[in-house]
Amino acid sequence: MNSPDAQRLQQLEDQQAARVCISQYMWLCDKLDTAETVQAIGELFTADACWEGVGEPYAARLGRHLGREAIVAMMAGYVRTPAHFAMNAHFLCSEALSQQPDGKLCGRWLMLQTSEFSAGGAHLNAAEINVEFCREASGMRIHRFTTRNLFSRPVNHWHAADELPVPDKK
């Protein structure tokens, strides 16, 4: 394989690894209820990573956390009894991955988050997620993560016991 082909193959493998990394991050955030989950989230970040809420209200509410330890500490704040989230689901779409001229791999997604809280209430949030990834010996990791609120609103509840409408069997 010649050098341009090898470089292109590495870029494609990096892009797939970035998809797996961000998907794993969201999956872990959906079950954020143990110290082990928090540590697994931390392993997805580089040692000197930055996690930041940008714009209002995220800058003030979520803040900026520098370094893996600070990110782990922030995530650990969600682990409590009873769990902060009774139900949490993140949905990513509108993916755009790009290799920057300096070699950095960057990704952008729209995210929809549906949450129900153990303390009561439910919320619907949409955000723009921007991530800079870094390839390390152990795999692809998040080096910079930003989330910017697009909209946020309370909802009554997520799950209803109402019968699910399906076509009648003939």
Protein backbone atom coordinates (compact mmCIF):
# COMPACT_ATOMS: atom_id res chain seq x y z
CA MET A 1 0.00 0.00 0.00
CA ASN A 2 1.42 3.40 -0.94
CA SER A 3 1.68 6.30 1.52
CA PRO A 4 -1.44 8.25 0.39
CA ASP A 5 -3.51 5.06 0.59
CA ALA A 6 -2.15 4.25 4.05
CA GLN A 7 -2.93 7.80 5.20
CA ARG A 8 -6.45 7.60 3.81
CA LEU A 9 -7.02 4.23 5.47
CA GLN A 10 -5.80 5.65 8.81
CA GLN A 11 -8.20 8.59 8.47
CA LEU A 12 -11.13 6.25 7.80
CA GLU A 13 -10.19 4.06 10.76
CA ASP A 14 -9.85 7.16 12.96
CA GLN A 15 -13.28 8.39 11.89
CA GLN A 16 -14.87 5.05 12.77
CA ALA A 17 -13.04 4.98 16.10
CA ALA A 18 -14.33 8.52 16.83
CA ARG A 19 -17.90 7.39 16.14
CA VAL A 20 -17.48 4.47 18.54
CA CYS A 21 -15.94 6.77 21.17
CA ILE A 22 -18.74 9.37 21.11
CA SER A 23 -21.39 6.64 21.00
CA GLN A 24 -19.83 4.96 24.05
CA TYR A 25 -19.72 8.33 25.85
CA MET A 26 -23.44 8.94 25.26
CA TRP A 27 -24.34 5.36 26.21
CA LEU A 28 -22.43 5.69 29.49
CA CYS A 29 -24.08 9.08 30.19
CA ASP A 30 -27.45 7.35 29.78
CA LYS A 31 -26.64 5.02 32.68
CA LEU A 32 -24.74 7.45 34.89
CA ASP A 33 -25.37 5.75 38.23
CA THR A 34 -22.13 4.16 39.49
CA ALA A 35 -18.53 5.11 40.17
CA GLU A 36 -17.51 2.48 37.60
CA THR A 37 -19.56 4.24 34.92
CA VAL A 38 -17.93 7.56 35.82
CA GLN A 39 -14.46 6.00 35.55
CA ALA A 40 -15.36 4.47 32.16
CA ILE A 41 -16.42 7.94 30.97
CA GLY A 42 -13.09 9.34 32.18
CA GLU A 43 -11.19 6.74 30.14
CA LEU A 44 -12.75 8.14 26.97
CA PHE A 45 -10.93 11.46 27.52
CA THR A 46 -7.26 12.40 27.14
CA ALA A 47 -5.45 13.25 30.37
CA ASP A 48 -5.47 16.98 29.45
CA ALA A 49 -8.97 17.08 27.95
CA CYS A 50 -11.43 19.95 28.20
CA TRP A 51 -15.21 19.45 28.69
CA GLU A 52 -17.17 22.69 28.36
CA GLY A 53 -20.71 23.99 28.25
CA VAL A 54 -20.75 27.02 25.92
CA GLY A 55 -23.32 29.77 25.51
CA GLU A 56 -26.31 30.26 27.75
CA PRO A 57 -27.47 28.51 29.78
CA TYR A 58 -24.78 25.81 29.48
CA ALA A 59 -21.72 27.96 30.26
CA ALA A 60 -23.16 28.92 33.65
CA ARG A 61 -24.95 25.64 34.45
CA LEU A 62 -22.42 23.09 33.18
CA GLY A 63 -19.15 25.03 33.34
CA ARG A 64 -15.69 24.22 32.03
CA HIS A 65 -13.66 21.27 33.29
CA LEU A 66 -9.97 20.89 32.47
CA GLY A 67 -8.27 17.51 32.67
CA ARG A 68 -9.59 13.97 32.97
CA GLU A 69 -9.74 14.17 36.77
CA ALA A 70 -11.90 17.31 36.68
CA ILE A 71 -14.21 15.73 34.10
CA VAL A 72 -14.54 12.59 36.23
CA ALA A 73 -15.29 14.74 39.31
CA MET A 74 -18.00 16.64 37.41
CA MET A 75 -19.61 13.41 36.18
CA ALA A 76 -19.40 11.90 39.68
CA GLY A 77 -21.69 14.69 40.89
CA TYR A 78 -24.55 12.97 39.04
CA VAL A 79 -24.07 9.68 40.91
CA ARG A 80 -26.32 9.59 43.98
CA THR A 81 -29.01 7.55 45.66
CA PRO A 82 -31.62 7.62 44.33
CA ALA A 83 -30.05 8.13 40.89
CA HIS A 84 -30.24 11.67 39.46
CA PHE A 85 -31.77 10.32 36.24
CA ALA A 86 -34.73 7.93 36.44
CA MET A 87 -34.43 7.72 32.63
CA ASN A 88 -31.94 9.37 30.31
CA ALA A 89 -31.49 8.87 26.57
CA HIS A 90 -29.18 10.72 24.18
CA PHE A 91 -29.80 10.69 20.42
CA LEU A 92 -27.08 11.90 18.04
CA CYS A 93 -27.69 12.91 14.44
CA SER A 94 -26.43 15.21 11.65
CA GLU A 95 -22.88 13.92 12.02
CA ALA A 96 -20.05 15.84 10.36
CA LEU A 97 -16.50 14.51 10.76
CA SER A 98 -13.55 16.39 9.31
CA GLN A 99 -9.80 16.02 9.28
CA GLN A 100 -8.24 19.42 9.94
CA PRO A 101 -5.11 20.58 8.07
CA ASP A 102 -3.12 20.19 11.30
CA GLY A 103 -4.21 16.52 11.49
CA LYS A 104 -6.85 16.89 14.21
CA LEU A 105 -10.06 14.95 13.77
CA CYS A 106 -13.14 17.01 14.65
CA GLY A 107 -16.77 15.98 14.86
CA ARG A 108 -20.05 17.86 15.14
CA TRP A 109 -23.44 16.41 16.02
CA LEU A 110 -26.90 17.55 16.94
CA MET A 111 -28.00 15.86 20.14
CA LEU A 112 -31.47 15.33 21.57
CA GLN A 113 -31.59 14.37 25.24
CA THR A 114 -34.71 13.06 26.93
CA SER A 115 -34.49 12.90 30.71
CA GLU A 116 -36.75 12.01 33.60
CA PHE A 117 -35.47 12.85 37.06
CA SER A 118 -35.79 10.77 40.22
CA ALA A 119 -36.64 13.96 42.08
CA GLY A 120 -39.57 14.50 39.69
CA GLY A 121 -40.08 16.15 36.34
CA ALA A 122 -38.83 15.45 32.85
CA HIS A 123 -36.91 17.51 30.31
CA LEU A 124 -36.23 17.69 26.59
CA ASN A 125 -32.93 19.27 25.49
CA ALA A 126 -31.31 19.79 22.12
CA ALA A 127 -27.67 20.77 21.80
CA GLU A 128 -24.85 21.09 19.30
CA ILE A 129 -21.90 18.89 20.27
CA ASN A 130 -18.40 19.65 18.96
CA VAL A 131 -15.58 17.24 19.70
CA GLU A 132 -11.88 17.22 18.91
CA PHE A 133 -10.48 13.69 19.03
CA CYS A 134 -6.95 12.48 19.63
CA ARG A 135 -5.55 9.09 18.65
CA GLU A 136 -3.58 7.53 21.49
CA ALA A 137 -1.94 4.12 21.77
CA SER A 138 -5.02 2.82 23.62
CA GLY A 139 -7.42 4.15 20.97
CA MET A 140 -9.36 7.25 20.03
CA ARG A 141 -10.09 9.65 22.89
CA ILE A 142 -11.90 12.94 23.34
CA HIS A 143 -9.52 15.87 23.68
CA ARG A 144 -12.04 18.74 23.63
CA PHE A 145 -15.80 18.43 24.10
CA THR A 146 -18.22 21.34 23.89
CA THR A 147 -21.98 21.35 24.19
CA ARG A 148 -24.13 24.36 23.27
CA ASN A 149 -27.84 24.49 24.09
CA LEU A 150 -30.23 24.89 21.19
CA PHE A 151 -33.40 24.53 23.24
CA SER A 152 -34.49 23.18 26.56
CA ARG A 153 -37.94 22.63 28.00
CA PRO A 154 -39.72 20.69 30.69
CA VAL A 155 -42.21 18.03 29.61
CA ASN A 156 -44.89 16.27 31.63
CA HIS A 157 -43.46 12.74 31.49
CA TRP A 158 -41.89 10.30 29.03
CA HIS A 159 -43.47 6.95 29.56
CA ALA A 160 -47.21 6.47 29.64
CA ALA A 161 -49.04 3.24 30.40
CA ASP A 162 -51.43 3.97 27.52
CA GLU A 163 -51.89 1.12 25.09
CA LEU A 164 -49.55 1.31 22.10
CA PRO A 165 -51.63 1.57 18.93
CA VAL A 166 -50.87 -1.19 16.45
CA PRO A 167 -52.86 -2.45 13.45
CA ASP A 168 -55.57 -5.00 14.26
CA LYS A 169 -54.68 -8.62 13.47
CA LYS A 170 -56.82 -10.00 10.67
